[in-house]
Protein backbone atom coordinates (compact mmCIF):
# COMPACT_ATOMS: atom_id res chain seq x y z
CA UNK A 1 -13.51 -41.07 16.60
CA UNK A 2 -11.51 -42.78 13.90
CA UNK A 3 -7.83 -42.12 13.21
CA UNK A 4 -8.48 -40.52 9.81
CA UNK A 5 -10.81 -37.88 11.32
CA UNK A 6 -8.35 -37.07 14.13
CA UNK A 7 -5.53 -36.67 11.63
CA UNK A 8 -7.66 -34.39 9.42
CA UNK A 9 -8.64 -32.17 12.36
CA UNK A 10 -5.02 -31.98 13.55
CA UNK A 11 -3.80 -31.07 10.06
CA UNK A 12 -6.48 -28.38 9.69
CA UNK A 13 -5.55 -26.91 13.07
CA UNK A 14 -1.87 -26.85 12.13
CA UNK A 15 -2.66 -25.08 8.85
CA UNK A 16 -4.78 -22.44 10.59
CA UNK A 17 -2.06 -21.84 13.17
CA UNK A 18 0.67 -21.60 10.51
CA UNK A 19 -1.44 -19.20 8.43
CA UNK A 20 -2.14 -16.96 11.43
CA UNK A 21 1.53 -16.77 12.38
CA UNK A 22 2.56 -16.22 8.75
CA UNK A 23 0.09 -13.39 8.21
CA UNK A 24 0.99 -11.53 11.38
CA UNK A 25 4.74 -12.12 11.41
CA UNK A 26 5.66 -9.36 8.96
CA UNK A 27 4.69 -5.79 9.73
CA UNK A 28 2.58 -4.51 12.58
CA UNK A 29 -0.81 -5.75 11.46
CA UNK A 30 -3.04 -7.01 14.19
CA UNK A 31 -5.12 -9.81 12.74
CA UNK A 32 -7.81 -9.67 15.44
CA UNK A 33 -8.38 -5.91 15.70
CA UNK A 34 -8.21 -3.98 12.43
CA UNK A 35 -9.78 -0.77 13.80
CA UNK A 36 -7.33 2.01 14.46
CA UNK A 37 -8.45 5.16 16.26
CA UNK A 38 -5.95 7.80 15.25
CA UNK A 39 -6.67 11.38 16.28
CA UNK A 40 -3.48 13.31 15.50
CA UNK A 41 -0.93 13.48 12.72
CA UNK A 42 2.37 15.33 12.51
CA UNK A 43 3.13 16.20 8.89
CA UNK A 44 6.37 17.61 7.53
CA UNK A 45 5.37 20.87 5.80
CA UNK A 46 7.92 23.35 4.41
CA UNK A 47 10.62 22.15 6.77
CA UNK A 48 8.40 22.26 9.86
CA UNK A 49 6.57 19.50 11.70
CA UNK A 50 2.91 20.55 11.95
CA UNK A 51 0.42 18.86 14.30
CA UNK A 52 -3.08 18.39 12.84
CA UNK A 53 -6.23 16.95 14.43
CA UNK A 54 -7.65 14.12 12.31
CA UNK A 55 -11.32 13.94 11.42
CA UNK A 56 -10.85 10.90 9.16
CA UNK A 57 -8.05 9.18 7.29
CA UNK A 58 -7.50 6.65 4.52
CA UNK A 59 -4.42 4.78 3.44
CA UNK A 60 -3.72 3.23 0.07
CA UNK A 61 -1.80 0.29 -1.35
CA UNK A 62 1.16 2.58 -1.92
CA UNK A 63 2.90 4.76 0.66
CA UNK A 64 0.36 7.57 0.38
CA UNK A 65 -2.19 8.48 3.02
CA UNK A 66 -5.03 11.02 3.03
CA UNK A 67 -6.21 12.96 6.09
CA UNK A 68 -9.30 15.10 6.60
CA UNK A 69 -8.36 17.52 9.36
CA UNK A 70 -10.79 19.13 11.75
CA UNK A 71 -8.36 21.86 12.84
CA UNK A 72 -8.17 23.58 9.45
CA UNK A 73 -10.90 21.66 7.56
CA UNK A 74 -8.41 20.64 4.91
CA UNK A 75 -7.49 17.45 3.07
CA UNK A 76 -3.85 16.47 3.28
CA UNK A 77 -2.52 13.88 0.87
CA UNK A 78 1.00 12.92 1.79
CA UNK A 79 3.47 10.06 1.96
CA UNK A 80 3.54 7.85 5.00
CA UNK A 81 7.25 8.73 5.11
CA UNK A 82 6.39 12.40 5.83
CA UNK A 83 3.81 11.86 8.55
CA UNK A 84 3.47 10.24 11.96
CA UNK A 85 0.07 9.17 13.32
CA UNK A 86 -0.89 9.28 16.99
CA UNK A 87 -3.83 8.01 19.00
CA UNK A 88 -3.24 10.51 21.81
CA UNK A 89 -1.86 14.03 21.49
CA UNK A 90 1.92 13.77 21.22
CA UNK A 91 4.36 15.56 23.50
CA UNK A 92 5.27 19.10 22.44
CA UNK A 93 8.77 18.08 21.38
CA UNK A 94 7.26 15.89 18.60
CA UNK A 95 6.14 18.90 16.51
CA UNK A 96 7.14 22.50 15.80
CA UNK A 97 3.73 24.16 15.48
CA UNK A 98 0.09 23.18 15.94
CA UNK A 99 -2.48 23.81 13.23
CA UNK A 100 -4.70 26.68 14.35
CA UNK A 101 -7.24 26.52 11.52
């Protein structure tokens, strides 16, 4: 292998490594696994924290997030600042009431 090829491969490897670190260094994005299984959301509603069961959810480029709930078959469009997502059912102290549909 000639020196030019070795240098090119080393430079490409360094660029890939730097890009990977740079892309994952800010925020909590996981570059290898982009699938999140979130089943519960606690939403601030009228001064109470309400636990909902998530059927599906979508986030946007802004701070808004949309949930389709299976507990009350409703769509909730809220700010990410007013909701907390969970993979497993949270402890009872994390919410005031549970959606009963």
